[in-house]
Amino acid sequence: MNSCLYECSVMHHRLSPKEHHFRYRIFMLALDLDEIDDLAARIPFLSRNRRNLYEFRDRDHLTLPGFERASVKENLVGYLAQNGIRFPVGGRITLVTLPRVFGYIFNPISFYFCADAAGTPLCAVVQVGNTFREMKPYLFCEPSGENAFRLTTPKHFYVSPFSALDLAFDFKLRVPSERLDIHIDDRDGEQCVLVTALTGDRVPLTAARLAWFTLKYPLITLRVIGLIHWHALLLWAKRLPFHRKAAHPELQRGVFNPHASIAGKTP
């Protein structure tokens, strides 16, 4: 099987307007989208689209209007087609993401790596989420080097009240192998204002390993959302500028599941 787990370190280092640094550890699933049903059949506490300790639900990921009942792979292939990319017969898609845990999901970021039948990287999609349950995909149309993708693009998405909407994301992705190696910087023109890294080691996706990670990283999705709010409180205490979500709907573009504060107002 191509699917696996990654035991990861997440690092955030805010450089401006005030410095703030933190690091924590999590695990993430790396799922070949053609293997999910087989994984659910052999791991008793992992299910697809039904209640369990760990759940993979297609609707938690990129969903095109009118494709709400389709699989995540069907939605992603449709999204690529809308952007002029024809996904090849026999191609594979690996999704690096967090699962639902006891029915709760919060995914700040997920990664789709697309390859042809021979395993040659073709394109990638980064799916960024926020606490308003919105998500936005960022498309990498082709590799930028051997087993690597690079994209610098306007953010145009409300991720944090302490980050301006007119910044740019600078994504640097390596195709997952024995290591997961992903770097995302926030840039204000030429200035880097926030550095983020997600790095980790590959481990087998087995029932035993998932059980061990349940003990080592309990309630992982609740831990992630809890840490986000805790560090938001620390940033507020440092008196960082606060950006309200409804202030600039024109800078929130290409958003899936738009919140009421911007629905019908975005270009």
Protein backbone atom coordinates (compact mmCIF):
# COMPACT_ATOMS: atom_id res chain seq x y z
CA MET A 1 0.00 0.00 0.00
CA ASN A 2 1.07 3.58 -0.66
CA SER A 3 -0.84 5.03 2.31
CA CYS A 4 1.07 5.74 5.52
CA LEU A 5 1.30 8.01 8.57
CA TYR A 6 3.66 10.89 9.21
CA GLU A 7 4.76 11.77 12.73
CA CYS A 8 5.25 15.50 12.38
CA SER A 9 6.68 18.63 13.93
CA VAL A 10 4.77 21.86 13.24
CA MET A 11 6.72 25.11 13.60
CA HIS A 12 5.40 28.68 13.41
CA HIS A 13 7.73 31.66 13.69
CA ARG A 14 6.14 35.09 13.34
CA LEU A 15 8.74 37.72 12.54
CA SER A 16 6.66 40.88 12.19
CA PRO A 17 5.22 43.10 13.56
CA LYS A 18 6.24 41.28 16.76
CA GLU A 19 8.11 38.01 17.15
CA HIS A 20 6.23 34.92 18.29
CA HIS A 21 7.44 31.32 18.04
CA PHE A 22 5.94 27.94 18.87
CA ARG A 23 6.32 24.30 17.92
CA TYR A 24 4.18 21.21 18.56
CA ARG A 25 3.96 17.62 17.40
CA ILE A 26 1.11 15.81 15.64
CA PHE A 27 0.55 12.94 13.27
CA MET A 28 -1.10 13.10 9.86
CA LEU A 29 -2.59 10.53 7.51
CA ALA A 30 -1.14 10.22 4.01
CA LEU A 31 -3.89 8.45 2.07
CA ASP A 32 -3.80 7.10 -1.44
CA LEU A 33 -7.35 8.02 -2.42
CA ASP A 34 -7.80 4.64 -4.13
CA GLU A 35 -6.94 2.78 -0.91
CA ILE A 36 -9.26 4.37 1.63
CA ASP A 37 -11.95 1.67 1.51
CA ASP A 38 -9.33 -1.09 1.88
CA LEU A 39 -7.77 0.72 4.84
CA ALA A 40 -11.17 1.10 6.50
CA ALA A 41 -11.81 -2.61 6.03
CA ARG A 42 -8.60 -3.72 7.76
CA ILE A 43 -8.29 -1.07 10.52
CA PRO A 44 -11.26 -1.56 12.88
CA PHE A 45 -11.29 1.99 14.31
CA LEU A 46 -10.91 3.81 10.97
CA SER A 47 -14.00 4.26 8.78
CA ARG A 48 -15.07 6.07 5.65
CA ASN A 49 -18.23 8.19 5.86
CA ARG A 50 -19.50 6.55 9.05
CA ARG A 51 -18.94 7.03 12.77
CA ASN A 52 -15.81 5.63 14.36
CA LEU A 53 -12.86 6.68 16.49
CA TYR A 54 -11.15 7.90 13.30
CA GLU A 55 -13.24 8.89 10.30
CA PHE A 56 -12.45 9.93 6.78
CA ARG A 57 -15.42 11.84 5.38
CA ASP A 58 -15.34 12.92 1.76
CA ARG A 59 -17.40 16.03 2.51
CA ASP A 60 -14.67 17.33 4.85
CA HIS A 61 -12.52 18.05 1.82
CA LEU A 62 -12.68 19.90 -1.48
CA THR A 63 -16.29 19.71 -2.73
CA LEU A 64 -17.47 21.33 -5.95
CA PRO A 65 -21.01 22.73 -6.20
CA GLY A 66 -23.29 19.94 -7.41
CA PHE A 67 -20.75 17.24 -6.45
CA GLU A 68 -21.66 17.01 -2.76
CA ARG A 69 -22.29 13.25 -2.99
CA ALA A 70 -19.18 12.50 -5.03
CA SER A 71 -15.93 11.13 -3.59
CA VAL A 72 -13.04 13.43 -2.75
CA LYS A 73 -11.13 12.01 -5.72
CA GLU A 74 -13.99 12.75 -8.10
CA ASN A 75 -14.17 16.29 -6.75
CA LEU A 76 -10.44 16.84 -7.07
CA VAL A 77 -10.31 15.46 -10.61
CA GLY A 78 -13.23 17.78 -11.44
CA TYR A 79 -11.41 20.74 -9.90
CA LEU A 80 -8.30 19.98 -11.95
CA ALA A 81 -10.42 19.74 -15.12
CA GLN A 82 -11.95 23.14 -14.37
CA ASN A 83 -8.40 24.49 -14.31
CA GLY A 84 -7.31 22.88 -17.56
CA ILE A 85 -5.55 19.82 -16.13
CA ARG A 86 -6.61 16.39 -17.37
CA PHE A 87 -5.94 13.74 -14.75
CA PRO A 88 -4.58 10.60 -16.47
CA VAL A 89 -6.12 7.14 -16.38
CA GLY A 90 -4.31 5.12 -13.73
CA GLY A 91 -3.03 8.21 -11.96
CA ARG A 92 -2.74 8.29 -8.18
CA ILE A 93 -3.56 11.02 -5.65
CA THR A 94 -2.10 11.10 -2.14
CA LEU A 95 -3.88 13.27 0.42
CA VAL A 96 -1.96 14.36 3.53
CA THR A 97 -4.52 15.43 6.12
CA LEU A 98 -6.00 15.07 9.59
CA PRO A 99 -8.90 12.68 10.20
CA ARG A 100 -12.03 13.25 12.20
CA VAL A 101 -11.48 12.12 15.79
CA PHE A 102 -14.61 11.11 17.76
CA GLY A 103 -16.60 12.95 15.08
CA TYR A 104 -14.72 16.26 15.37
CA ILE A 105 -12.71 17.70 12.49
CA PHE A 106 -10.56 20.76 12.11
CA ASN A 107 -8.05 20.79 9.27
CA PRO A 108 -5.98 23.96 8.97
CA ILE A 109 -4.25 22.56 5.89
CA SER A 110 -4.28 19.48 3.64
CA PHE A 111 -2.14 18.54 0.65
CA TYR A 112 -3.01 16.63 -2.52
CA PHE A 113 -0.08 15.23 -4.51
CA CYS A 114 -1.05 13.96 -7.98
CA ALA A 115 1.06 11.57 -10.03
CA ASP A 116 0.68 9.54 -13.21
CA ALA A 117 0.49 5.74 -13.30
CA ALA A 118 4.30 5.52 -13.25
CA GLY A 119 4.51 7.70 -10.15
CA THR A 120 5.81 10.83 -11.89
CA PRO A 121 4.58 13.98 -10.09
CA LEU A 122 2.08 15.97 -12.16
CA CYS A 123 0.53 18.67 -9.99
CA ALA A 124 -0.46 19.45 -6.41
CA VAL A 125 -3.22 21.22 -4.53
CA VAL A 126 -2.97 22.77 -1.08
CA GLN A 127 -6.32 23.08 0.71
CA VAL A 128 -6.21 25.75 3.45
CA GLY A 129 -8.99 25.91 6.04
CA ASN A 130 -9.97 28.40 8.72
CA THR A 131 -12.04 28.42 11.89
CA PHE A 132 -15.08 29.68 9.94
CA ARG A 133 -15.22 26.27 8.16
CA GLU A 134 -14.20 27.90 4.91
CA MET A 135 -11.55 26.41 2.66
CA LYS A 136 -9.53 27.57 -0.30
CA PRO A 137 -7.50 25.48 -2.76
CA TYR A 138 -4.18 26.64 -4.19
CA LEU A 139 -3.15 24.88 -7.40
CA PHE A 140 0.40 23.97 -8.44
CA CYS A 141 0.06 23.25 -12.15
CA GLU A 142 3.41 21.47 -12.54
CA PRO A 143 6.52 20.55 -10.56
CA SER A 144 9.16 23.23 -10.04
CA GLY A 145 11.98 20.70 -9.77
CA GLU A 146 12.58 17.03 -9.14
CA ASN A 147 9.83 15.86 -6.75
CA ALA A 148 9.17 19.46 -5.66
CA PHE A 149 6.54 22.17 -6.07
CA ARG A 150 6.85 25.92 -5.54
CA LEU A 151 4.20 28.63 -5.69
CA THR A 152 4.09 32.23 -4.54
CA THR A 153 0.56 33.61 -4.79
CA PRO A 154 -1.69 36.24 -3.18
CA LYS A 155 -3.32 34.76 -0.11
CA HIS A 156 -6.80 36.31 -0.60
CA PHE A 157 -8.12 34.18 2.26
CA TYR A 158 -8.87 34.91 5.91
CA VAL A 159 -6.66 32.55 7.90
CA SER A 160 -5.96 34.50 11.08
CA PRO A 161 -7.18 37.80 12.55
CA PHE A 162 -3.49 38.64 13.07
CA SER A 163 -2.52 38.32 9.39
CA ALA A 164 -3.46 40.83 6.71
CA LEU A 165 -5.42 39.60 3.71
CA ASP A 166 -3.14 41.24 1.15
CA LEU A 167 -0.10 39.10 2.02
CA ALA A 168 1.23 36.37 -0.26
CA PHE A 169 1.74 32.69 0.47
CA ASP A 170 5.13 31.25 -0.53
CA PHE A 171 4.66 27.46 -0.70
CA LYS A 172 7.59 25.05 -0.95
CA LEU A 173 6.53 21.39 -1.07
CA ARG A 174 8.48 18.17 -1.43
CA VAL A 175 6.62 15.12 -2.68
CA PRO A 176 6.19 12.92 0.43
CA SER A 177 8.51 9.93 0.66
CA GLU A 178 10.36 8.75 3.76
CA ARG A 179 10.19 12.37 4.93
CA LEU A 180 7.45 14.96 4.86
CA ASP A 181 9.00 18.36 4.12
CA ILE A 182 6.70 21.35 3.62
CA HIS A 183 7.41 25.06 4.14
CA ILE A 184 4.95 27.93 3.88
CA ASP A 185 5.94 31.56 4.39
CA ASP A 186 3.73 34.64 4.57
CA ARG A 187 5.25 37.53 2.62
CA ASP A 188 4.52 41.23 2.58
CA GLY A 189 6.20 42.19 -0.67
CA GLU A 190 9.83 41.14 -0.30
CA GLN A 191 9.58 40.86 3.48
CA CYS A 192 8.93 37.49 5.12
CA VAL A 193 6.58 38.03 8.09
CA LEU A 194 5.72 34.45 9.09
CA VAL A 195 7.59 31.17 8.62
CA THR A 196 5.79 27.83 8.91
CA ALA A 197 7.28 24.35 8.55
CA LEU A 198 5.67 20.90 8.61
CA THR A 199 8.23 18.11 8.71
CA GLY A 200 8.06 14.48 9.74
CA ASP A 201 8.98 10.84 9.29
CA ARG A 202 7.00 8.17 7.49
CA VAL A 203 5.64 5.25 9.54
CA PRO A 204 3.35 2.39 8.47
CA LEU A 205 -0.41 2.93 8.64
CA THR A 206 -1.43 -0.08 10.71
CA ALA A 207 -3.99 -0.66 13.43
CA ALA A 208 -1.19 -1.04 16.01
CA ARG A 209 0.55 2.18 15.01
CA LEU A 210 -2.70 4.15 14.92
CA ALA A 211 -3.60 2.80 18.37
CA TRP A 212 -0.21 3.91 19.70
CA PHE A 213 -0.64 7.40 18.22
CA THR A 214 -4.09 7.58 19.84
CA LEU A 215 -2.32 7.31 23.21
CA LYS A 216 0.64 9.48 22.25
CA TYR A 217 -1.43 12.24 20.59
CA PRO A 218 -4.92 12.00 22.13
CA LEU A 219 -7.78 13.97 20.57
CA ILE A 220 -5.43 15.39 17.96
CA THR A 221 -7.95 17.63 16.18
CA LEU A 222 -9.13 19.16 19.47
CA ARG A 223 -5.50 19.75 20.40
CA VAL A 224 -4.86 21.59 17.12
CA ILE A 225 -7.88 23.90 17.46
CA GLY A 226 -7.05 24.46 21.13
CA LEU A 227 -3.48 25.50 20.33
CA ILE A 228 -4.69 27.86 17.61
CA HIS A 229 -6.94 29.70 20.07
CA TRP A 230 -4.30 29.69 22.81
CA HIS A 231 -1.70 31.32 20.58
CA ALA A 232 -4.30 33.74 19.24
CA LEU A 233 -4.80 34.84 22.84
CA LEU A 234 -1.04 35.30 23.27
CA LEU A 235 -0.86 37.37 20.07
CA TRP A 236 -3.78 39.50 21.27
CA ALA A 237 -1.93 40.04 24.55
CA LYS A 238 1.08 41.24 22.54
CA ARG A 239 -1.23 43.83 20.93
CA LEU A 240 -0.77 42.71 17.35
CA PRO A 241 -3.02 44.48 14.80
CA PHE A 242 -6.40 42.74 14.58
CA HIS A 243 -8.08 42.23 11.18
CA ARG A 244 -11.84 41.63 11.22
CA LYS A 245 -13.15 39.07 8.77
CA ALA A 246 -15.99 41.25 7.43
CA ALA A 247 -13.73 44.27 6.84
CA HIS A 248 -12.42 43.30 3.39
CA PRO A 249 -14.64 40.78 1.57
CA GLU A 250 -13.08 41.89 -1.74
CA LEU A 251 -9.77 40.33 -0.60
CA GLN A 252 -11.37 36.94 0.11
CA ARG A 253 -11.55 35.22 -3.28
CA GLY A 254 -12.10 31.70 -4.55
CA VAL A 255 -13.42 30.56 -1.15
CA PHE A 256 -15.35 27.30 -0.79
CA ASN A 257 -18.14 27.19 1.83
CA PRO A 258 -18.06 31.01 2.24
CA HIS A 259 -19.12 32.36 5.61
CA ALA A 260 -22.12 34.68 5.84
CA SER A 261 -19.78 37.64 6.35
CA ILE A 262 -18.55 37.36 2.74
CA ALA A 263 -21.15 35.21 0.95
CA GLY A 264 -22.39 37.08 -2.11
CA LYS A 265 -19.80 39.84 -1.64
CA THR A 266 -16.66 38.22 -3.05
CA PRO A 267 -15.60 38.58 -6.69
